[in-house]
Every structure is written in structure tokens, then in C-alpha cells.
N, C-alpha and C. Protein backbone atom coordinates (compact mmCIF):
# COMPACT_ATOMS: atom_id res chain seq x y z
N MET A 1 -72.72 -22.61 41.35
CA MET A 1 -73.53 -21.47 41.62
C MET A 1 -74.00 -20.84 40.32
N ALA A 2 -75.26 -20.43 40.31
CA ALA A 2 -75.83 -19.80 39.11
C ALA A 2 -75.33 -18.38 38.99
N LYS A 3 -75.05 -18.05 37.75
CA LYS A 3 -74.51 -16.73 37.46
C LYS A 3 -75.64 -15.79 37.08
N LYS A 4 -75.73 -14.64 37.70
CA LYS A 4 -76.76 -13.66 37.40
C LYS A 4 -76.35 -12.84 36.20
N LYS A 5 -77.34 -12.60 35.32
CA LYS A 5 -77.07 -11.75 34.16
C LYS A 5 -77.26 -10.32 34.57
N LYS A 6 -76.36 -9.50 34.11
CA LYS A 6 -76.50 -8.08 34.39
C LYS A 6 -77.41 -7.45 33.36
N VAL A 7 -78.28 -6.56 33.82
CA VAL A 7 -79.17 -5.84 32.93
C VAL A 7 -78.43 -4.60 32.47
N ASN A 8 -78.40 -4.45 31.16
CA ASN A 8 -77.71 -3.29 30.59
C ASN A 8 -78.67 -2.10 30.63
N SER A 9 -78.43 -1.16 31.51
CA SER A 9 -79.32 -0.01 31.69
C SER A 9 -79.34 0.87 30.45
N ALA A 10 -78.27 0.95 29.71
CA ALA A 10 -78.23 1.77 28.49
C ALA A 10 -79.17 1.19 27.43
N LEU A 11 -79.24 -0.13 27.35
CA LEU A 11 -80.14 -0.77 26.39
C LEU A 11 -81.60 -0.52 26.76
N ILE A 12 -81.93 -0.58 28.04
CA ILE A 12 -83.31 -0.33 28.49
C ILE A 12 -83.70 1.11 28.19
N ILE A 13 -82.82 2.04 28.45
CA ILE A 13 -83.09 3.45 28.18
C ILE A 13 -83.28 3.67 26.68
N ALA A 14 -82.49 3.04 25.86
CA ALA A 14 -82.60 3.17 24.41
C ALA A 14 -83.94 2.61 23.91
N ILE A 15 -84.36 1.48 24.44
CA ILE A 15 -85.63 0.87 24.03
C ILE A 15 -86.79 1.77 24.46
N LEU A 16 -86.75 2.29 25.70
CA LEU A 16 -87.80 3.20 26.16
C LEU A 16 -87.85 4.47 25.31
N ALA A 17 -86.71 5.01 24.95
CA ALA A 17 -86.67 6.21 24.11
C ALA A 17 -87.28 5.92 22.74
N LEU A 18 -86.98 4.74 22.19
CA LEU A 18 -87.54 4.35 20.89
C LEU A 18 -89.07 4.22 20.97
N VAL A 19 -89.59 3.60 22.01
CA VAL A 19 -91.04 3.44 22.20
C VAL A 19 -91.71 4.82 22.33
N ILE A 20 -91.10 5.70 23.11
CA ILE A 20 -91.65 7.06 23.29
C ILE A 20 -91.65 7.80 21.96
N ASN A 21 -90.60 7.68 21.18
CA ASN A 21 -90.53 8.34 19.86
C ASN A 21 -91.59 7.81 18.91
N ILE A 22 -91.83 6.51 18.93
CA ILE A 22 -92.86 5.92 18.06
C ILE A 22 -94.24 6.43 18.46
N ILE A 23 -94.52 6.48 19.75
CA ILE A 23 -95.80 7.00 20.22
C ILE A 23 -95.96 8.47 19.84
N THR A 24 -94.93 9.27 20.03
CA THR A 24 -94.97 10.70 19.68
C THR A 24 -95.21 10.89 18.19
N ALA A 25 -94.51 10.14 17.36
CA ALA A 25 -94.69 10.25 15.91
C ALA A 25 -96.11 9.86 15.52
N SER A 26 -96.66 8.83 16.16
CA SER A 26 -98.04 8.41 15.86
C SER A 26 -99.02 9.51 16.21
N ILE A 27 -98.82 10.16 17.34
CA ILE A 27 -99.70 11.26 17.74
C ILE A 27 -99.61 12.41 16.74
N TYR A 28 -98.41 12.77 16.30
CA TYR A 28 -98.25 13.85 15.32
C TYR A 28 -98.92 13.51 13.98
N ILE A 29 -98.80 12.28 13.55
CA ILE A 29 -99.45 11.86 12.29
C ILE A 29 -100.97 11.95 12.43
N TYR A 30 -101.49 11.51 13.57
CA TYR A 30 -102.93 11.59 13.81
C TYR A 30 -103.41 13.05 13.85
N GLN A 31 -102.66 13.91 14.52
CA GLN A 31 -103.01 15.33 14.57
C GLN A 31 -102.97 15.96 13.18
N ALA A 32 -102.01 15.58 12.36
CA ALA A 32 -101.92 16.12 11.00
C ALA A 32 -103.13 15.71 10.17
N SER A 33 -103.60 14.47 10.35
CA SER A 33 -104.78 14.04 9.59
C SER A 33 -106.02 14.79 10.05
N ILE A 34 -106.14 15.06 11.34
CA ILE A 34 -107.27 15.85 11.85
C ILE A 34 -107.20 17.26 11.29
N MET A 35 -106.04 17.87 11.28
CA MET A 35 -105.89 19.22 10.74
C MET A 35 -106.24 19.27 9.26
N ARG A 36 -105.86 18.24 8.51
CA ARG A 36 -106.18 18.18 7.09
C ARG A 36 -107.69 18.10 6.89
N GLU A 37 -108.38 17.29 7.69
CA GLU A 37 -109.83 17.20 7.61
C GLU A 37 -110.48 18.54 7.96
N GLU A 38 -109.95 19.23 8.95
CA GLU A 38 -110.48 20.55 9.33
C GLU A 38 -110.28 21.56 8.20
N GLN A 39 -109.13 21.50 7.54
CA GLN A 39 -108.89 22.39 6.40
C GLN A 39 -109.90 22.15 5.29
N HIS A 40 -110.16 20.90 5.00
CA HIS A 40 -111.11 20.56 3.94
C HIS A 40 -112.53 21.01 4.33
N ALA A 41 -112.90 20.80 5.60
CA ALA A 41 -114.23 21.19 6.06
C ALA A 41 -114.40 22.71 6.07
N ALA A 42 -113.31 23.44 6.22
CA ALA A 42 -113.38 24.90 6.28
C ALA A 42 -113.67 25.52 4.92
N VAL A 43 -113.60 24.74 3.85
CA VAL A 43 -113.87 25.27 2.51
C VAL A 43 -114.88 24.42 1.74
N TRP A 44 -115.76 23.74 2.46
CA TRP A 44 -116.78 22.92 1.80
C TRP A 44 -117.80 23.80 1.10
N PRO A 45 -117.96 23.62 -0.20
CA PRO A 45 -119.07 24.29 -0.89
C PRO A 45 -120.33 23.45 -0.72
N HIS A 46 -121.47 24.07 -0.90
CA HIS A 46 -122.74 23.33 -0.84
C HIS A 46 -123.67 23.99 -1.85
N VAL A 47 -123.72 23.41 -3.05
CA VAL A 47 -124.50 24.00 -4.14
C VAL A 47 -125.91 23.41 -4.15
N GLU A 48 -126.89 24.30 -4.19
CA GLU A 48 -128.29 23.90 -4.29
C GLU A 48 -128.94 24.72 -5.39
N TRP A 49 -130.01 24.19 -5.95
CA TRP A 49 -130.76 24.96 -6.94
C TRP A 49 -132.25 24.78 -6.67
N GLY A 50 -133.02 25.76 -7.11
CA GLY A 50 -134.46 25.67 -6.93
C GLY A 50 -135.21 26.49 -7.95
N LEU A 51 -136.43 26.06 -8.22
CA LEU A 51 -137.35 26.79 -9.10
C LEU A 51 -138.19 27.70 -8.22
N HIS A 52 -138.32 28.96 -8.61
CA HIS A 52 -139.05 29.94 -7.80
C HIS A 52 -140.07 30.67 -8.67
N TYR A 53 -141.25 30.79 -8.13
CA TYR A 53 -142.32 31.51 -8.83
C TYR A 53 -142.91 32.55 -7.87
N VAL A 54 -142.91 33.79 -8.31
CA VAL A 54 -143.55 34.87 -7.57
C VAL A 54 -144.79 35.23 -8.38
N GLN A 55 -145.95 34.93 -7.82
CA GLN A 55 -147.21 35.08 -8.56
C GLN A 55 -147.36 36.49 -9.14
N ASP A 56 -147.79 36.53 -10.40
CA ASP A 56 -148.00 37.78 -11.15
C ASP A 56 -146.73 38.62 -11.27
N GLU A 57 -145.58 37.98 -11.14
CA GLU A 57 -144.34 38.74 -11.22
C GLU A 57 -143.25 38.04 -12.03
N SER A 58 -142.72 36.91 -11.52
CA SER A 58 -141.58 36.30 -12.19
C SER A 58 -141.45 34.81 -11.87
N PHE A 59 -140.65 34.17 -12.70
CA PHE A 59 -140.26 32.77 -12.52
C PHE A 59 -138.77 32.71 -12.75
N TYR A 60 -138.05 32.02 -11.87
CA TYR A 60 -136.61 31.90 -12.10
C TYR A 60 -136.08 30.59 -11.52
N LEU A 61 -134.97 30.18 -12.12
CA LEU A 61 -134.20 29.02 -11.66
C LEU A 61 -132.92 29.59 -11.08
N GLU A 62 -132.72 29.35 -9.79
CA GLU A 62 -131.57 29.93 -9.10
C GLU A 62 -130.65 28.84 -8.59
N VAL A 63 -129.35 29.04 -8.79
CA VAL A 63 -128.31 28.16 -8.27
C VAL A 63 -127.56 28.95 -7.20
N ARG A 64 -127.38 28.35 -6.01
CA ARG A 64 -126.76 29.07 -4.90
C ARG A 64 -125.72 28.18 -4.22
N ASN A 65 -124.62 28.80 -3.83
CA ASN A 65 -123.61 28.11 -3.02
C ASN A 65 -123.83 28.51 -1.57
N ASN A 66 -124.42 27.61 -0.79
CA ASN A 66 -124.68 27.87 0.63
C ASN A 66 -123.55 27.37 1.52
N GLY A 67 -122.44 26.99 0.93
CA GLY A 67 -121.32 26.48 1.70
C GLY A 67 -120.39 27.58 2.17
N VAL A 68 -119.24 27.16 2.69
CA VAL A 68 -118.26 28.12 3.21
C VAL A 68 -117.03 28.25 2.32
N GLY A 69 -117.02 27.53 1.21
CA GLY A 69 -115.90 27.62 0.28
C GLY A 69 -116.40 27.71 -1.14
N PRO A 70 -115.52 28.07 -2.08
CA PRO A 70 -115.94 28.19 -3.47
C PRO A 70 -116.29 26.83 -4.08
N ALA A 71 -117.25 26.85 -5.01
CA ALA A 71 -117.66 25.64 -5.71
C ALA A 71 -117.17 25.73 -7.15
N LEU A 72 -116.38 24.77 -7.57
CA LEU A 72 -115.88 24.71 -8.94
C LEU A 72 -116.83 23.81 -9.72
N ILE A 73 -117.62 24.40 -10.61
CA ILE A 73 -118.62 23.65 -11.36
C ILE A 73 -117.92 22.88 -12.46
N LYS A 74 -118.13 21.57 -12.48
CA LYS A 74 -117.46 20.71 -13.45
C LYS A 74 -118.38 20.28 -14.59
N ASP A 75 -119.66 20.00 -14.28
CA ASP A 75 -120.56 19.49 -15.31
C ASP A 75 -122.00 19.75 -14.88
N THR A 76 -122.85 20.01 -15.86
CA THR A 76 -124.28 20.18 -15.59
C THR A 76 -125.08 19.43 -16.64
N GLU A 77 -126.30 19.04 -16.26
CA GLU A 77 -127.19 18.39 -17.23
C GLU A 77 -128.63 18.70 -16.86
N MET A 78 -129.38 19.19 -17.86
CA MET A 78 -130.81 19.46 -17.69
C MET A 78 -131.61 18.48 -18.52
N LYS A 79 -132.72 18.01 -17.95
CA LYS A 79 -133.62 17.13 -18.67
C LYS A 79 -135.05 17.56 -18.40
N LEU A 80 -135.86 17.45 -19.42
CA LEU A 80 -137.29 17.67 -19.26
C LEU A 80 -138.00 16.46 -19.85
N ASN A 81 -138.73 15.74 -19.01
CA ASN A 81 -139.39 14.50 -19.41
C ASN A 81 -138.42 13.50 -20.04
N GLY A 82 -137.22 13.43 -19.49
CA GLY A 82 -136.22 12.48 -19.97
C GLY A 82 -135.41 12.94 -21.16
N THR A 83 -135.77 14.06 -21.78
CA THR A 83 -135.04 14.59 -22.94
C THR A 83 -134.00 15.59 -22.45
N ILE A 84 -132.75 15.37 -22.86
CA ILE A 84 -131.67 16.27 -22.45
C ILE A 84 -131.84 17.61 -23.16
N ALA A 85 -131.71 18.67 -22.38
CA ALA A 85 -131.74 20.04 -22.92
C ALA A 85 -130.33 20.60 -22.80
N PRO A 86 -129.59 20.70 -23.92
CA PRO A 86 -128.20 21.14 -23.85
C PRO A 86 -128.02 22.62 -23.50
N SER A 87 -129.10 23.40 -23.54
CA SER A 87 -129.01 24.82 -23.21
C SER A 87 -130.33 25.29 -22.62
N ILE A 88 -130.30 26.49 -22.06
CA ILE A 88 -131.54 27.07 -21.51
C ILE A 88 -132.55 27.27 -22.63
N ASP A 89 -132.09 27.77 -23.79
CA ASP A 89 -133.02 27.96 -24.90
C ASP A 89 -133.71 26.66 -25.31
N SER A 90 -132.94 25.57 -25.37
CA SER A 90 -133.57 24.30 -25.76
C SER A 90 -134.53 23.81 -24.68
N LEU A 91 -134.24 24.10 -23.40
CA LEU A 91 -135.18 23.76 -22.33
C LEU A 91 -136.48 24.53 -22.50
N LEU A 92 -136.37 25.82 -22.81
CA LEU A 92 -137.57 26.64 -22.98
C LEU A 92 -138.39 26.17 -24.18
N VAL A 93 -137.72 25.74 -25.25
CA VAL A 93 -138.44 25.21 -26.42
C VAL A 93 -139.15 23.91 -26.04
N LEU A 94 -138.46 23.04 -25.29
CA LEU A 94 -139.10 21.80 -24.85
C LEU A 94 -140.33 22.08 -23.97
N ALA A 95 -140.23 23.10 -23.13
CA ALA A 95 -141.32 23.39 -22.19
C ALA A 95 -142.47 24.14 -22.83
N THR A 96 -142.16 25.06 -23.76
CA THR A 96 -143.23 25.94 -24.28
C THR A 96 -143.47 25.80 -25.77
N GLY A 97 -142.53 25.22 -26.49
CA GLY A 97 -142.69 25.09 -27.93
C GLY A 97 -142.24 26.33 -28.70
N THR A 98 -141.71 27.33 -28.01
CA THR A 98 -141.27 28.55 -28.69
C THR A 98 -139.99 29.09 -28.05
N ARG A 99 -139.24 29.82 -28.85
CA ARG A 99 -138.06 30.51 -28.34
C ARG A 99 -138.36 31.98 -28.05
N SER A 100 -139.51 32.44 -28.49
CA SER A 100 -139.77 33.88 -28.45
C SER A 100 -140.52 34.31 -27.19
N LEU A 101 -140.04 33.87 -26.05
CA LEU A 101 -140.61 34.40 -24.83
C LEU A 101 -139.58 35.31 -24.16
N PRO A 102 -140.04 36.34 -23.48
CA PRO A 102 -139.10 37.29 -22.87
C PRO A 102 -138.42 36.66 -21.65
N HIS A 103 -137.11 36.49 -21.74
CA HIS A 103 -136.37 35.90 -20.63
C HIS A 103 -134.92 36.36 -20.66
N VAL A 104 -134.29 36.20 -19.54
CA VAL A 104 -132.86 36.44 -19.40
C VAL A 104 -132.30 35.16 -18.83
N TYR A 105 -131.14 34.74 -19.29
CA TYR A 105 -130.58 33.53 -18.72
C TYR A 105 -129.08 33.65 -18.57
N GLY A 106 -128.55 32.81 -17.71
CA GLY A 106 -127.11 32.75 -17.46
C GLY A 106 -126.67 31.30 -17.49
N THR A 107 -125.47 31.06 -17.06
CA THR A 107 -124.95 29.70 -17.02
C THR A 107 -124.01 29.54 -15.83
N VAL A 108 -123.88 28.33 -15.36
CA VAL A 108 -122.92 28.02 -14.30
C VAL A 108 -121.84 27.08 -14.82
N ASP A 109 -121.96 26.66 -16.07
CA ASP A 109 -120.99 25.72 -16.63
C ASP A 109 -119.58 26.28 -16.55
N ASN A 110 -118.67 25.46 -15.99
CA ASN A 110 -117.25 25.80 -15.88
C ASN A 110 -117.00 27.11 -15.14
N ARG A 111 -117.82 27.40 -14.16
CA ARG A 111 -117.65 28.61 -13.36
C ARG A 111 -117.28 28.26 -11.94
N VAL A 112 -116.84 29.26 -11.21
CA VAL A 112 -116.60 29.13 -9.79
C VAL A 112 -117.66 29.99 -9.10
N ILE A 113 -118.40 29.38 -8.19
CA ILE A 113 -119.43 30.11 -7.46
C ILE A 113 -118.91 30.33 -6.04
N ALA A 114 -118.78 31.59 -5.68
CA ALA A 114 -118.26 31.95 -4.36
C ALA A 114 -119.27 31.60 -3.27
N PRO A 115 -118.81 31.44 -2.03
CA PRO A 115 -119.74 31.18 -0.93
C PRO A 115 -120.77 32.31 -0.82
N GLY A 116 -122.03 31.93 -0.70
CA GLY A 116 -123.10 32.92 -0.59
C GLY A 116 -123.58 33.50 -1.90
N GLU A 117 -122.90 33.19 -3.00
CA GLU A 117 -123.28 33.73 -4.31
C GLU A 117 -124.41 32.91 -4.91
N SER A 118 -125.29 33.58 -5.64
CA SER A 118 -126.34 32.89 -6.37
C SER A 118 -126.38 33.40 -7.80
N ILE A 119 -126.82 32.54 -8.69
CA ILE A 119 -126.92 32.86 -10.11
C ILE A 119 -128.30 32.46 -10.58
N LYS A 120 -128.98 33.38 -11.24
CA LYS A 120 -130.28 33.05 -11.83
C LYS A 120 -130.03 32.55 -13.24
N LEU A 121 -130.34 31.27 -13.45
CA LEU A 121 -130.13 30.68 -14.77
C LEU A 121 -131.22 31.08 -15.75
N ILE A 122 -132.44 31.10 -15.27
CA ILE A 122 -133.57 31.54 -16.08
C ILE A 122 -134.28 32.61 -15.26
N ASN A 123 -134.60 33.71 -15.90
CA ASN A 123 -135.36 34.75 -15.21
C ASN A 123 -136.40 35.30 -16.18
N VAL A 124 -137.66 34.95 -15.95
CA VAL A 124 -138.76 35.40 -16.79
C VAL A 124 -139.57 36.39 -15.96
N THR A 125 -139.62 37.65 -16.41
CA THR A 125 -140.32 38.68 -15.63
C THR A 125 -141.69 39.04 -16.21
N ASP A 126 -142.03 38.53 -17.36
CA ASP A 126 -143.37 38.73 -17.91
C ASP A 126 -144.32 37.82 -17.13
N ASP A 127 -145.34 38.40 -16.48
CA ASP A 127 -146.17 37.62 -15.56
C ASP A 127 -146.90 36.45 -16.22
N LEU A 128 -147.37 36.62 -17.47
CA LEU A 128 -148.07 35.52 -18.14
C LEU A 128 -147.12 34.38 -18.49
N TRP A 129 -145.95 34.72 -19.05
CA TRP A 129 -144.97 33.69 -19.39
C TRP A 129 -144.39 33.05 -18.12
N ALA A 130 -144.21 33.84 -17.08
CA ALA A 130 -143.68 33.30 -15.82
C ALA A 130 -144.60 32.22 -15.28
N GLU A 131 -145.90 32.51 -15.26
CA GLU A 131 -146.86 31.53 -14.76
C GLU A 131 -146.90 30.29 -15.65
N ARG A 132 -146.94 30.51 -16.96
CA ARG A 132 -146.99 29.39 -17.90
C ARG A 132 -145.75 28.50 -17.76
N LEU A 133 -144.59 29.13 -17.71
CA LEU A 133 -143.34 28.37 -17.61
C LEU A 133 -143.24 27.63 -16.28
N PHE A 134 -143.66 28.26 -15.22
CA PHE A 134 -143.64 27.62 -13.91
C PHE A 134 -144.46 26.33 -13.93
N TYR A 135 -145.67 26.40 -14.46
CA TYR A 135 -146.50 25.21 -14.49
C TYR A 135 -145.99 24.16 -15.47
N LYS A 136 -145.41 24.59 -16.57
CA LYS A 136 -144.86 23.64 -17.55
C LYS A 136 -143.64 22.90 -16.99
N ILE A 137 -142.75 23.62 -16.31
CA ILE A 137 -141.52 23.00 -15.82
C ILE A 137 -141.71 22.37 -14.45
N ALA A 138 -142.31 23.10 -13.53
CA ALA A 138 -142.37 22.62 -12.15
C ALA A 138 -143.49 21.63 -11.88
N HIS A 139 -144.59 21.71 -12.63
CA HIS A 139 -145.73 20.86 -12.30
C HIS A 139 -146.11 19.85 -13.38
N SER A 140 -146.21 20.29 -14.61
CA SER A 140 -146.72 19.42 -15.66
C SER A 140 -145.69 18.42 -16.17
N ASN A 141 -144.45 18.75 -16.04
CA ASN A 141 -143.39 17.92 -16.61
C ASN A 141 -142.42 17.47 -15.52
N LYS A 142 -141.58 16.50 -15.89
CA LYS A 142 -140.55 16.05 -14.96
C LYS A 142 -139.25 16.77 -15.33
N PHE A 143 -138.87 17.73 -14.49
CA PHE A 143 -137.66 18.51 -14.71
C PHE A 143 -136.54 17.96 -13.82
N GLU A 144 -135.39 17.71 -14.44
CA GLU A 144 -134.21 17.23 -13.71
C GLU A 144 -133.04 18.12 -14.05
N TYR A 145 -132.26 18.47 -13.04
CA TYR A 145 -131.06 19.28 -13.25
C TYR A 145 -130.00 18.79 -12.28
N THR A 146 -128.89 18.34 -12.81
CA THR A 146 -127.80 17.88 -11.95
C THR A 146 -126.58 18.77 -12.17
N ILE A 147 -125.94 19.10 -11.08
CA ILE A 147 -124.73 19.93 -11.11
C ILE A 147 -123.63 19.16 -10.39
N ALA A 148 -122.57 18.84 -11.11
CA ALA A 148 -121.40 18.19 -10.51
C ALA A 148 -120.38 19.28 -10.21
N TYR A 149 -119.92 19.30 -8.96
CA TYR A 149 -118.98 20.36 -8.56
C TYR A 149 -117.96 19.81 -7.57
N GLU A 150 -116.93 20.59 -7.31
CA GLU A 150 -115.91 20.15 -6.36
C GLU A 150 -115.37 21.33 -5.56
N SER A 151 -114.69 20.98 -4.47
CA SER A 151 -114.05 21.98 -3.63
C SER A 151 -112.65 22.25 -4.17
N ILE A 152 -111.96 23.20 -3.57
CA ILE A 152 -110.60 23.50 -4.02
C ILE A 152 -109.64 22.36 -3.71
N TYR A 153 -110.06 21.42 -2.86
CA TYR A 153 -109.24 20.26 -2.55
C TYR A 153 -109.61 19.03 -3.39
N GLY A 154 -110.54 19.20 -4.32
CA GLY A 154 -110.90 18.11 -5.22
C GLY A 154 -112.00 17.19 -4.73
N GLN A 155 -112.59 17.47 -3.56
CA GLN A 155 -113.73 16.66 -3.10
C GLN A 155 -114.90 16.95 -4.03
N GLN A 156 -115.64 15.92 -4.43
CA GLN A 156 -116.67 16.08 -5.45
C GLN A 156 -118.06 15.74 -4.91
N TRP A 157 -119.06 16.53 -5.39
CA TRP A 157 -120.45 16.33 -5.02
C TRP A 157 -121.34 16.50 -6.23
N ILE A 158 -122.57 16.04 -6.10
CA ILE A 158 -123.58 16.22 -7.13
C ILE A 158 -124.82 16.81 -6.47
N SER A 159 -125.30 17.92 -7.04
CA SER A 159 -126.50 18.57 -6.54
C SER A 159 -127.67 18.24 -7.47
N GLU A 160 -128.77 17.82 -6.86
CA GLU A 160 -130.01 17.56 -7.60
C GLU A 160 -131.12 18.35 -6.94
N GLY A 161 -130.96 19.65 -6.93
CA GLY A 161 -131.91 20.53 -6.24
C GLY A 161 -131.39 20.81 -4.86
N TYR A 162 -132.21 20.47 -3.86
CA TYR A 162 -131.79 20.68 -2.48
C TYR A 162 -131.14 19.43 -1.90
N GLU A 163 -131.04 18.40 -2.72
CA GLU A 163 -130.35 17.17 -2.30
C GLU A 163 -128.95 17.18 -2.89
N VAL A 164 -127.98 17.01 -2.01
CA VAL A 164 -126.57 16.98 -2.43
C VAL A 164 -125.99 15.68 -1.92
N ARG A 165 -125.28 14.98 -2.82
CA ARG A 165 -124.63 13.72 -2.43
C ARG A 165 -123.19 13.73 -2.89
N SER A 166 -122.39 12.96 -2.22
CA SER A 166 -120.98 12.85 -2.57
C SER A 166 -120.84 12.11 -3.89
N ALA A 167 -119.92 12.56 -4.72
CA ALA A 167 -119.69 11.89 -6.00
C ALA A 167 -118.58 10.86 -5.89
N ASP A 168 -117.97 10.78 -4.73
CA ASP A 168 -116.85 9.82 -4.53
C ASP A 168 -117.34 8.43 -4.32
């Protein structure tokens, strides 16, 4: 006569408990990764820059963080017709041939730009110089400005005006 094997119910319960624990741990790990992505998205900066001309009034270059988190500026580079301009003054000399135009300027290098904050890098309020500079930089020449920045979590992007791309 054939002998029947007894099924050990304790072993079956232990195996089922192990499978349930593995599934539960997998769900928790997946939820943690989703929460981490949500945390990162909740502080995404979005840096854009643009040239602005108000006829008979002013010309300015504005950098703005339109994101929801602070932008840590890591590196910037300005070029006019392929020539690197290491400063605003050198850009103005490249564009106009003179340093003696009435202007105010700032910098974003190594700064943190808060969400919604904007910085005017160049602000020319003399109407004649504003018009001249606008046409020299925005129309007559090829102006390039790149801003490399990151979030507080180290995600990196590069802004080239209103176009922003991931640096990763």
C-alpha cells in the first residue's frame, strides 16, 4: 500500500507569511520612491531669461525663477557673435564699443534665486542707449547666454532663454 505524505501546515503558513512580507516590502519600497519623486518635484526650479525693450524707455536682461523651489546658480556664460563676454561690462563693450553708457547691472553667478524672484542683469534706462543696445544685442548680433543651475536635491538643468533642458 502506498504511504501518503502528510502536509506540514506550519511550513505552508510560514511560506505564505514570507510571500506576504516580500510583497508588502516591495509595495513600501515602491511608495518610498514615489514619495521621493514627489519631494523633488515640489522644489523644482525653472530658470528663464529674456531680453526686454520698452520703446523710448528702457532695455533690460532679466533672469527669473518661475519654478516652485530655489535655483542654485552654478555657472553662467555669455557670448556675443561667438566671443565670450566674461562680464556685463565686456558684453556692453562688444555690443557698443564703449563702456561709457548709462547702465546698472547685477549678477546671478553663485547665487540662489528664490521661486518667483527675478534679477535684472542689465538695465539701461536712457532711451537712446536702450534702443541702440536692444538692436545691437537682440537683432544685429547673435547673443547667447547659458545658465547652469540645480535644485536643492542636486538635479541639474541648463537655461538658454526660455528653453530649459536637463543637464543630466
